[in-house]
Amino acid sequence: MDETPRWALPLLFAGQAQKEIFHNEALMLVDALLHGRVESADLSAPPGAPTEGQCWIVAAGASGAWTGQVDAVALWTAGGWRFIAARTGLRVVVADRNHALFYDGTIWRADVIRSDGVYLDEQRVVGMRRAAIATPSGGSVIDVEARSTLADVLAALRGHGLIAS
């Protein structure tokens, strides 16, 4: 075996000449994976002037130097493009979307937890925390059962952190 099983990082072997080349290649790939950030997941062609260390998820319809690399993480290095095949569970923050994507083994999916709430099936189900709601009190006609139920609902919402106390 001359590469690691999960990320295909090059391994050194006894008597190998120029070990530093293989070692440096492995470090470049680890550096890209360890940081877990890409610029975008919407480009199908390489950007015009990438900066060393920048990464992208290669979108469908890949062309140019990215041909044949759909869904891979493309890393720009001093030596040109390096590609890291997506593996199940890979999670990266996407700068132009302001949230993470994860690879489920087939496609890249948006993370459920984002800066503006929690999403299920791309539908926001929990939004930003809102201001406190006062506990019911007073009034000329008091429905004790309804007031008790509302107080329980408010307590549950506060307990989950969905509204302030």
N, C-alpha and C. Protein backbone atom coordinates (compact mmCIF):
# COMPACT_ATOMS: atom_id res chain seq x y z
N MET A 1 0.85 -1.17 0.00
CA MET A 1 0.00 0.00 0.00
C MET A 1 0.90 1.23 0.00
N ASP A 2 0.61 2.19 -0.86
CA ASP A 2 1.42 3.40 -0.93
C ASP A 2 0.64 4.67 -0.60
N GLU A 3 -0.61 4.50 -0.09
CA GLU A 3 -1.40 5.65 0.35
C GLU A 3 -2.33 5.22 1.47
N THR A 4 -2.77 6.22 2.26
CA THR A 4 -3.67 5.90 3.36
C THR A 4 -5.04 5.52 2.82
N PRO A 5 -5.77 4.66 3.55
CA PRO A 5 -7.04 4.18 3.03
C PRO A 5 -8.16 5.23 2.99
N ARG A 6 -8.17 6.17 3.91
CA ARG A 6 -9.28 7.11 3.95
C ARG A 6 -9.10 8.30 3.03
N TRP A 7 -7.96 8.98 3.09
CA TRP A 7 -7.78 10.21 2.34
C TRP A 7 -6.72 10.12 1.26
N ALA A 8 -6.21 8.93 1.00
CA ALA A 8 -5.22 8.71 -0.07
C ALA A 8 -3.98 9.59 0.11
N LEU A 9 -3.57 9.79 1.37
CA LEU A 9 -2.35 10.54 1.63
C LEU A 9 -1.16 9.66 1.28
N PRO A 10 -0.15 10.19 0.60
CA PRO A 10 0.99 9.35 0.20
C PRO A 10 1.79 8.88 1.41
N LEU A 11 2.13 7.61 1.42
CA LEU A 11 2.93 7.02 2.49
C LEU A 11 4.38 6.92 2.06
N LEU A 12 5.26 7.00 3.02
CA LEU A 12 6.69 6.79 2.76
C LEU A 12 6.97 5.30 2.86
N PHE A 13 7.97 4.83 2.13
CA PHE A 13 8.36 3.43 2.26
C PHE A 13 9.88 3.34 2.30
N ALA A 14 10.37 2.25 2.83
CA ALA A 14 11.81 2.06 3.04
C ALA A 14 12.57 2.21 1.73
N GLY A 15 13.67 2.91 1.79
CA GLY A 15 14.54 3.07 0.63
C GLY A 15 14.02 4.06 -0.40
N GLN A 16 12.95 4.74 -0.10
CA GLN A 16 12.35 5.68 -1.06
C GLN A 16 13.23 6.90 -1.22
N ALA A 17 13.47 7.29 -2.46
CA ALA A 17 14.23 8.50 -2.75
C ALA A 17 13.29 9.71 -2.65
N GLN A 18 13.83 10.85 -2.31
CA GLN A 18 13.09 12.11 -2.23
C GLN A 18 11.83 12.00 -1.37
N LYS A 19 11.99 11.48 -0.16
CA LYS A 19 10.86 11.31 0.75
C LYS A 19 10.17 12.63 1.07
N GLU A 20 10.94 13.71 1.03
CA GLU A 20 10.36 15.00 1.37
C GLU A 20 9.23 15.39 0.42
N ILE A 21 9.30 14.97 -0.83
CA ILE A 21 8.24 15.29 -1.79
C ILE A 21 6.94 14.63 -1.37
N PHE A 22 6.98 13.37 -1.00
CA PHE A 22 5.78 12.64 -0.58
C PHE A 22 5.26 13.19 0.76
N HIS A 23 6.19 13.48 1.65
CA HIS A 23 5.81 14.02 2.95
C HIS A 23 5.13 15.38 2.78
N ASN A 24 5.70 16.25 1.97
CA ASN A 24 5.13 17.57 1.74
C ASN A 24 3.75 17.48 1.07
N GLU A 25 3.60 16.54 0.15
CA GLU A 25 2.31 16.34 -0.51
C GLU A 25 1.24 15.96 0.52
N ALA A 26 1.59 15.05 1.40
CA ALA A 26 0.66 14.64 2.45
C ALA A 26 0.31 15.81 3.36
N LEU A 27 1.30 16.62 3.72
CA LEU A 27 1.02 17.78 4.57
C LEU A 27 0.09 18.77 3.89
N MET A 28 0.24 18.98 2.60
CA MET A 28 -0.65 19.90 1.86
C MET A 28 -2.09 19.42 1.94
N LEU A 29 -2.30 18.13 1.74
CA LEU A 29 -3.65 17.58 1.79
C LEU A 29 -4.23 17.64 3.20
N VAL A 30 -3.42 17.32 4.18
CA VAL A 30 -3.87 17.41 5.58
C VAL A 30 -4.22 18.85 5.92
N ASP A 31 -3.42 19.79 5.47
CA ASP A 31 -3.68 21.20 5.74
C ASP A 31 -5.04 21.61 5.18
N ALA A 32 -5.39 21.16 3.99
CA ALA A 32 -6.67 21.51 3.38
C ALA A 32 -7.83 20.88 4.15
N LEU A 33 -7.66 19.64 4.58
CA LEU A 33 -8.74 18.95 5.29
C LEU A 33 -8.90 19.43 6.72
N LEU A 34 -7.81 19.73 7.36
CA LEU A 34 -7.84 20.11 8.76
C LEU A 34 -8.57 21.43 8.98
N HIS A 35 -8.39 22.36 8.10
CA HIS A 35 -9.02 23.67 8.24
C HIS A 35 -10.51 23.61 7.96
N GLY A 36 -10.92 22.81 7.01
CA GLY A 36 -12.34 22.61 6.72
C GLY A 36 -13.08 23.83 6.21
N ARG A 37 -12.46 24.59 5.32
CA ARG A 37 -13.12 25.78 4.76
C ARG A 37 -12.89 25.83 3.26
N VAL A 38 -13.96 26.10 2.52
CA VAL A 38 -13.85 26.30 1.08
C VAL A 38 -14.45 27.66 0.74
N GLU A 39 -14.04 28.20 -0.39
CA GLU A 39 -14.55 29.52 -0.80
C GLU A 39 -15.98 29.43 -1.32
N SER A 40 -16.27 28.36 -2.09
CA SER A 40 -17.58 28.22 -2.71
C SER A 40 -17.80 26.76 -3.10
N ALA A 41 -19.06 26.42 -3.32
CA ALA A 41 -19.41 25.10 -3.83
C ALA A 41 -20.18 25.24 -5.14
N ASP A 42 -20.10 26.42 -5.73
CA ASP A 42 -20.92 26.71 -6.91
C ASP A 42 -20.14 26.93 -8.19
N LEU A 43 -18.81 26.78 -8.15
CA LEU A 43 -18.02 26.97 -9.37
C LEU A 43 -17.77 25.63 -10.06
N SER A 44 -17.89 25.64 -11.38
CA SER A 44 -17.60 24.43 -12.14
C SER A 44 -16.29 24.57 -12.93
N ALA A 45 -15.71 25.76 -12.88
CA ALA A 45 -14.41 26.00 -13.53
C ALA A 45 -13.50 26.70 -12.53
N PRO A 46 -12.21 26.47 -12.62
CA PRO A 46 -11.28 27.10 -11.67
C PRO A 46 -11.38 28.62 -11.70
N PRO A 47 -11.25 29.26 -10.52
CA PRO A 47 -11.25 30.73 -10.49
C PRO A 47 -10.01 31.28 -11.16
N GLY A 48 -10.07 32.53 -11.57
CA GLY A 48 -8.98 33.14 -12.31
C GLY A 48 -7.68 33.34 -11.55
N ALA A 49 -7.75 33.78 -10.31
CA ALA A 49 -6.53 34.09 -9.57
C ALA A 49 -6.63 33.56 -8.14
N PRO A 50 -6.56 32.24 -7.98
CA PRO A 50 -6.65 31.70 -6.62
C PRO A 50 -5.41 32.02 -5.80
N THR A 51 -5.58 32.05 -4.50
CA THR A 51 -4.48 32.25 -3.57
C THR A 51 -4.07 30.89 -3.03
N GLU A 52 -2.79 30.70 -2.84
CA GLU A 52 -2.30 29.42 -2.34
C GLU A 52 -3.02 29.05 -1.04
N GLY A 53 -3.53 27.83 -0.98
CA GLY A 53 -4.24 27.35 0.19
C GLY A 53 -5.75 27.45 0.09
N GLN A 54 -6.26 28.20 -0.87
CA GLN A 54 -7.71 28.31 -1.02
C GLN A 54 -8.27 27.01 -1.61
N CYS A 55 -9.51 26.69 -1.19
CA CYS A 55 -10.17 25.47 -1.65
C CYS A 55 -11.57 25.78 -2.18
N TRP A 56 -12.08 24.90 -3.03
CA TRP A 56 -13.43 24.97 -3.56
C TRP A 56 -13.98 23.55 -3.64
N ILE A 57 -15.29 23.41 -3.55
CA ILE A 57 -15.94 22.15 -3.88
C ILE A 57 -16.29 22.26 -5.36
N VAL A 58 -15.85 21.31 -6.14
CA VAL A 58 -16.06 21.36 -7.59
C VAL A 58 -17.52 21.02 -7.91
N ALA A 59 -18.22 21.97 -8.54
CA ALA A 59 -19.64 21.82 -8.87
C ALA A 59 -19.83 20.98 -10.14
N ALA A 60 -21.07 20.55 -10.36
CA ALA A 60 -21.41 19.77 -11.55
C ALA A 60 -21.05 20.55 -12.81
N GLY A 61 -20.71 19.82 -13.86
CA GLY A 61 -20.33 20.44 -15.12
C GLY A 61 -18.89 20.92 -15.13
N ALA A 62 -18.07 20.32 -14.29
CA ALA A 62 -16.67 20.75 -14.15
C ALA A 62 -15.96 20.82 -15.50
N SER A 63 -15.15 21.88 -15.64
CA SER A 63 -14.41 22.07 -16.89
C SER A 63 -13.00 22.56 -16.60
N GLY A 64 -12.21 22.66 -17.65
CA GLY A 64 -10.83 23.12 -17.50
C GLY A 64 -10.04 22.16 -16.64
N ALA A 65 -9.22 22.70 -15.77
CA ALA A 65 -8.38 21.88 -14.89
C ALA A 65 -9.20 21.05 -13.89
N TRP A 66 -10.48 21.39 -13.76
CA TRP A 66 -11.35 20.65 -12.82
C TRP A 66 -12.14 19.52 -13.49
N THR A 67 -11.97 19.31 -14.76
CA THR A 67 -12.70 18.25 -15.47
C THR A 67 -12.52 16.91 -14.77
N GLY A 68 -13.63 16.21 -14.55
CA GLY A 68 -13.60 14.89 -13.93
C GLY A 68 -13.47 14.92 -12.42
N GLN A 69 -13.60 16.09 -11.80
CA GLN A 69 -13.40 16.21 -10.35
C GLN A 69 -14.65 16.67 -9.60
N VAL A 70 -15.84 16.45 -10.16
CA VAL A 70 -17.09 16.89 -9.52
C VAL A 70 -17.16 16.33 -8.10
N ASP A 71 -17.54 17.19 -7.17
CA ASP A 71 -17.70 16.91 -5.74
C ASP A 71 -16.37 16.84 -4.97
N ALA A 72 -15.25 16.87 -5.65
CA ALA A 72 -13.96 16.85 -4.95
C ALA A 72 -13.68 18.23 -4.36
N VAL A 73 -12.81 18.27 -3.37
CA VAL A 73 -12.32 19.54 -2.85
C VAL A 73 -11.07 19.88 -3.66
N ALA A 74 -11.11 21.02 -4.35
CA ALA A 74 -9.99 21.47 -5.17
C ALA A 74 -9.15 22.43 -4.34
N LEU A 75 -7.89 22.13 -4.20
CA LEU A 75 -6.95 22.93 -3.40
C LEU A 75 -5.91 23.54 -4.34
N TRP A 76 -5.74 24.87 -4.27
CA TRP A 76 -4.72 25.53 -5.06
C TRP A 76 -3.43 25.56 -4.27
N THR A 77 -2.34 25.07 -4.88
CA THR A 77 -1.02 25.05 -4.25
C THR A 77 -0.02 25.71 -5.19
N ALA A 78 1.19 25.90 -4.69
CA ALA A 78 2.25 26.47 -5.52
C ALA A 78 2.51 25.59 -6.73
N GLY A 79 2.22 24.30 -6.61
CA GLY A 79 2.44 23.36 -7.71
C GLY A 79 1.21 23.13 -8.58
N GLY A 80 0.15 23.90 -8.36
CA GLY A 80 -1.07 23.74 -9.16
C GLY A 80 -2.20 23.15 -8.34
N TRP A 81 -3.19 22.59 -9.02
CA TRP A 81 -4.39 22.06 -8.36
C TRP A 81 -4.13 20.68 -7.78
N ARG A 82 -4.61 20.47 -6.57
CA ARG A 82 -4.65 19.16 -5.93
C ARG A 82 -6.11 18.90 -5.64
N PHE A 83 -6.52 17.65 -5.77
CA PHE A 83 -7.93 17.30 -5.56
C PHE A 83 -8.04 16.25 -4.46
N ILE A 84 -9.02 16.46 -3.60
CA ILE A 84 -9.28 15.53 -2.51
C ILE A 84 -10.68 14.99 -2.72
N ALA A 85 -10.79 13.70 -2.97
CA ALA A 85 -12.10 13.09 -3.20
C ALA A 85 -12.92 13.18 -1.92
N ALA A 86 -14.17 13.58 -2.05
CA ALA A 86 -15.06 13.69 -0.88
C ALA A 86 -15.35 12.30 -0.33
N ARG A 87 -15.33 12.18 0.98
CA ARG A 87 -15.65 10.93 1.67
C ARG A 87 -16.84 11.20 2.58
N THR A 88 -17.61 10.17 2.83
CA THR A 88 -18.78 10.29 3.71
C THR A 88 -18.37 10.91 5.04
N GLY A 89 -19.09 11.94 5.43
CA GLY A 89 -18.84 12.61 6.70
C GLY A 89 -17.96 13.84 6.61
N LEU A 90 -17.35 14.10 5.44
CA LEU A 90 -16.53 15.30 5.30
C LEU A 90 -17.43 16.53 5.46
N ARG A 91 -17.01 17.46 6.31
CA ARG A 91 -17.77 18.68 6.58
C ARG A 91 -16.85 19.87 6.40
N VAL A 92 -17.30 20.85 5.63
CA VAL A 92 -16.52 22.06 5.40
C VAL A 92 -17.43 23.28 5.49
N VAL A 93 -16.89 24.37 5.99
CA VAL A 93 -17.61 25.64 6.00
C VAL A 93 -17.44 26.27 4.62
N VAL A 94 -18.54 26.76 4.06
CA VAL A 94 -18.51 27.37 2.73
C VAL A 94 -18.64 28.88 2.91
N ALA A 95 -17.58 29.61 2.59
CA ALA A 95 -17.50 31.04 2.86
C ALA A 95 -18.65 31.84 2.23
N ASP A 96 -18.97 31.58 0.96
CA ASP A 96 -19.99 32.40 0.31
C ASP A 96 -21.42 32.00 0.67
N ARG A 97 -21.60 30.95 1.45
CA ARG A 97 -22.93 30.56 1.92
C ARG A 97 -23.11 30.84 3.40
N ASN A 98 -22.01 31.07 4.09
CA ASN A 98 -22.03 31.34 5.52
C ASN A 98 -22.61 30.20 6.35
N HIS A 99 -22.45 28.98 5.85
CA HIS A 99 -22.78 27.78 6.63
C HIS A 99 -22.00 26.60 6.06
N ALA A 100 -22.07 25.50 6.76
CA ALA A 100 -21.30 24.32 6.36
C ALA A 100 -22.08 23.42 5.41
N LEU A 101 -21.33 22.63 4.65
CA LEU A 101 -21.88 21.53 3.86
C LEU A 101 -21.21 20.26 4.34
N PHE A 102 -21.91 19.14 4.26
CA PHE A 102 -21.30 17.86 4.57
C PHE A 102 -21.61 16.89 3.45
N TYR A 103 -20.69 15.96 3.23
CA TYR A 103 -20.84 14.98 2.15
C TYR A 103 -21.45 13.72 2.74
N ASP A 104 -22.60 13.31 2.23
CA ASP A 104 -23.31 12.15 2.78
C ASP A 104 -22.94 10.83 2.11
N GLY A 105 -21.96 10.86 1.24
CA GLY A 105 -21.55 9.67 0.51
C GLY A 105 -22.04 9.69 -0.93
N THR A 106 -23.01 10.55 -1.20
CA THR A 106 -23.56 10.68 -2.54
C THR A 106 -23.53 12.13 -3.02
N ILE A 107 -24.00 13.03 -2.15
CA ILE A 107 -24.06 14.46 -2.51
C ILE A 107 -23.64 15.32 -1.32
N TRP A 108 -23.33 16.57 -1.62
CA TRP A 108 -23.07 17.57 -0.57
C TRP A 108 -24.41 18.10 -0.10
N ARG A 109 -24.61 18.13 1.22
CA ARG A 109 -25.85 18.63 1.82
C ARG A 109 -25.54 19.80 2.74
N ALA A 110 -26.49 20.73 2.82
CA ALA A 110 -26.33 21.86 3.73
C ALA A 110 -26.48 21.38 5.17
N ASP A 111 -25.65 21.94 6.04
CA ASP A 111 -25.71 21.62 7.46
C ASP A 111 -27.05 22.09 8.02
N VAL A 112 -27.56 21.40 9.01
CA VAL A 112 -28.85 21.79 9.60
C VAL A 112 -28.73 22.98 10.52
N ILE A 113 -27.57 23.18 11.13
CA ILE A 113 -27.38 24.31 12.03
C ILE A 113 -26.64 25.41 11.30
N ARG A 114 -27.29 26.57 11.21
CA ARG A 114 -26.73 27.71 10.50
C ARG A 114 -26.80 28.93 11.40
N SER A 115 -26.20 30.01 10.97
CA SER A 115 -26.16 31.21 11.81
C SER A 115 -27.53 31.82 12.05
N ASP A 116 -28.49 31.54 11.18
CA ASP A 116 -29.83 32.12 11.36
C ASP A 116 -30.87 31.12 11.84
N GLY A 117 -30.46 29.92 12.23
CA GLY A 117 -31.42 28.97 12.77
C GLY A 117 -31.09 27.53 12.45
N VAL A 118 -32.08 26.68 12.68
CA VAL A 118 -31.96 25.25 12.43
C VAL A 118 -32.87 24.90 11.25
N TYR A 119 -32.35 24.11 10.32
CA TYR A 119 -33.08 23.78 9.10
C TYR A 119 -33.30 22.28 8.99
N LEU A 120 -34.46 21.90 8.50
CA LEU A 120 -34.77 20.52 8.13
C LEU A 120 -35.31 20.54 6.71
N ASP A 121 -34.75 19.74 5.83
CA ASP A 121 -35.15 19.72 4.42
C ASP A 121 -35.16 21.13 3.83
N GLU A 122 -34.11 21.90 4.14
CA GLU A 122 -33.94 23.27 3.64
C GLU A 122 -35.03 24.23 4.10
N GLN A 123 -35.81 23.86 5.09
CA GLN A 123 -36.85 24.72 5.65
C GLN A 123 -36.43 25.10 7.07
N ARG A 124 -36.40 26.39 7.35
CA ARG A 124 -36.02 26.82 8.69
C ARG A 124 -37.14 26.46 9.66
N VAL A 125 -36.79 25.68 10.67
CA VAL A 125 -37.79 25.25 11.66
C VAL A 125 -37.58 25.94 13.01
N VAL A 126 -36.39 26.43 13.26
CA VAL A 126 -36.11 27.20 14.47
C VAL A 126 -35.32 28.41 14.04
N GLY A 127 -35.84 29.59 14.37
CA GLY A 127 -35.17 30.81 13.98
C GLY A 127 -34.37 31.42 15.11
N MET A 128 -34.05 32.67 14.95
CA MET A 128 -33.30 33.41 15.95
C MET A 128 -34.13 33.59 17.21
N ARG A 129 -33.47 33.69 18.34
CA ARG A 129 -34.17 33.91 19.61
C ARG A 129 -34.86 35.27 19.56
N ARG A 130 -36.09 35.29 20.03
CA ARG A 130 -36.86 36.53 20.07
C ARG A 130 -36.87 37.11 21.47
N ALA A 131 -37.42 38.28 21.59
CA ALA A 131 -37.50 38.95 22.89
C ALA A 131 -38.40 38.17 23.84
N ALA A 132 -38.25 38.44 25.11
CA ALA A 132 -39.04 37.78 26.14
C ALA A 132 -40.53 38.09 25.96
N ILE A 133 -41.37 37.14 26.33
CA ILE A 133 -42.83 37.31 26.34
C ILE A 133 -43.24 37.31 27.80
N ALA A 134 -44.00 38.29 28.16
CA ALA A 134 -44.42 38.39 29.56
C ALA A 134 -45.36 37.25 29.93
N THR A 135 -45.24 36.78 31.16
CA THR A 135 -46.14 35.76 31.67
C THR A 135 -47.51 36.39 31.88
N PRO A 136 -48.59 35.68 31.48
CA PRO A 136 -49.94 36.26 31.63
C PRO A 136 -50.26 36.58 33.09
N SER A 137 -50.92 37.71 33.26
CA SER A 137 -51.38 38.08 34.62
C SER A 137 -52.45 39.16 34.49
N GLY A 138 -53.26 39.31 35.51
CA GLY A 138 -54.27 40.37 35.55
C GLY A 138 -55.45 40.09 34.65
N GLY A 139 -56.24 41.11 34.42
CA GLY A 139 -57.45 40.99 33.61
C GLY A 139 -58.67 40.83 34.49
N SER A 140 -59.82 41.18 33.94
CA SER A 140 -61.04 41.10 34.74
C SER A 140 -61.63 39.70 34.75
N VAL A 141 -61.45 38.95 33.68
CA VAL A 141 -61.94 37.57 33.63
C VAL A 141 -60.71 36.67 33.47
N ILE A 142 -60.50 35.82 34.45
CA ILE A 142 -59.30 34.99 34.43
C ILE A 142 -59.70 33.54 34.17
N ASP A 143 -59.11 33.00 33.10
CA ASP A 143 -59.31 31.58 32.82
C ASP A 143 -58.06 30.88 33.35
N VAL A 144 -58.14 30.32 34.52
CA VAL A 144 -56.99 29.73 35.20
C VAL A 144 -56.37 28.62 34.38
N GLU A 145 -57.18 27.79 33.76
CA GLU A 145 -56.65 26.67 32.98
C GLU A 145 -55.86 27.16 31.77
N ALA A 146 -56.41 28.15 31.04
CA ALA A 146 -55.72 28.70 29.86
C ALA A 146 -54.43 29.40 30.28
N ARG A 147 -54.50 30.18 31.36
CA ARG A 147 -53.32 30.88 31.86
C ARG A 147 -52.23 29.89 32.27
N SER A 148 -52.61 28.80 32.89
CA SER A 148 -51.66 27.77 33.31
C SER A 148 -51.00 27.12 32.09
N THR A 149 -51.80 26.85 31.07
CA THR A 149 -51.28 26.24 29.85
C THR A 149 -50.31 27.18 29.14
N LEU A 150 -50.68 28.46 29.03
CA LEU A 150 -49.78 29.43 28.41
C LEU A 150 -48.48 29.55 29.19
N ALA A 151 -48.57 29.54 30.51
CA ALA A 151 -47.36 29.63 31.34
C ALA A 151 -46.47 28.42 31.10
N ASP A 152 -47.06 27.23 30.94
CA ASP A 152 -46.28 26.01 30.67
C ASP A 152 -45.60 26.09 29.30
N VAL A 153 -46.32 26.60 28.30
CA VAL A 153 -45.75 26.75 26.96
C VAL A 153 -44.58 27.73 27.00
N LEU A 154 -44.76 28.86 27.67
CA LEU A 154 -43.69 29.83 27.79
C LEU A 154 -42.49 29.24 28.53
N ALA A 155 -42.74 28.49 29.58
CA ALA A 155 -41.64 27.87 30.34
C ALA A 155 -40.87 26.90 29.45
N ALA A 156 -41.58 26.12 28.63
CA ALA A 156 -40.91 25.17 27.72
C ALA A 156 -40.07 25.92 26.69
N LEU A 157 -40.62 26.96 26.09
CA LEU A 157 -39.88 27.74 25.10
C LEU A 157 -38.64 28.39 25.71
N ARG A 158 -38.79 28.92 26.92
CA ARG A 158 -37.64 29.51 27.61
C ARG A 158 -36.61 28.43 27.96
N GLY A 159 -37.09 27.30 28.41
CA GLY A 159 -36.19 26.19 28.77
C GLY A 159 -35.36 25.70 27.59
N HIS A 160 -35.94 25.75 26.41
CA HIS A 160 -35.22 25.32 25.20
C HIS A 160 -34.38 26.45 24.63
N GLY A 161 -34.49 27.63 25.20
CA GLY A 161 -33.70 28.76 24.72
C GLY A 161 -34.27 29.42 23.48
N LEU A 162 -35.51 29.11 23.15
CA LEU A 162 -36.11 29.70 21.95
C LEU A 162 -36.58 31.12 22.16
N ILE A 163 -36.90 31.47 23.40
CA ILE A 163 -37.21 32.87 23.73
C ILE A 163 -36.45 33.20 25.02
N ALA A 164 -36.22 34.46 25.22
CA ALA A 164 -35.47 34.89 26.41
C ALA A 164 -36.34 34.77 27.65
N SER A 165 -35.70 34.70 28.79
CA SER A 165 -36.43 34.62 30.07
C SER A 165 -36.92 35.95 30.51
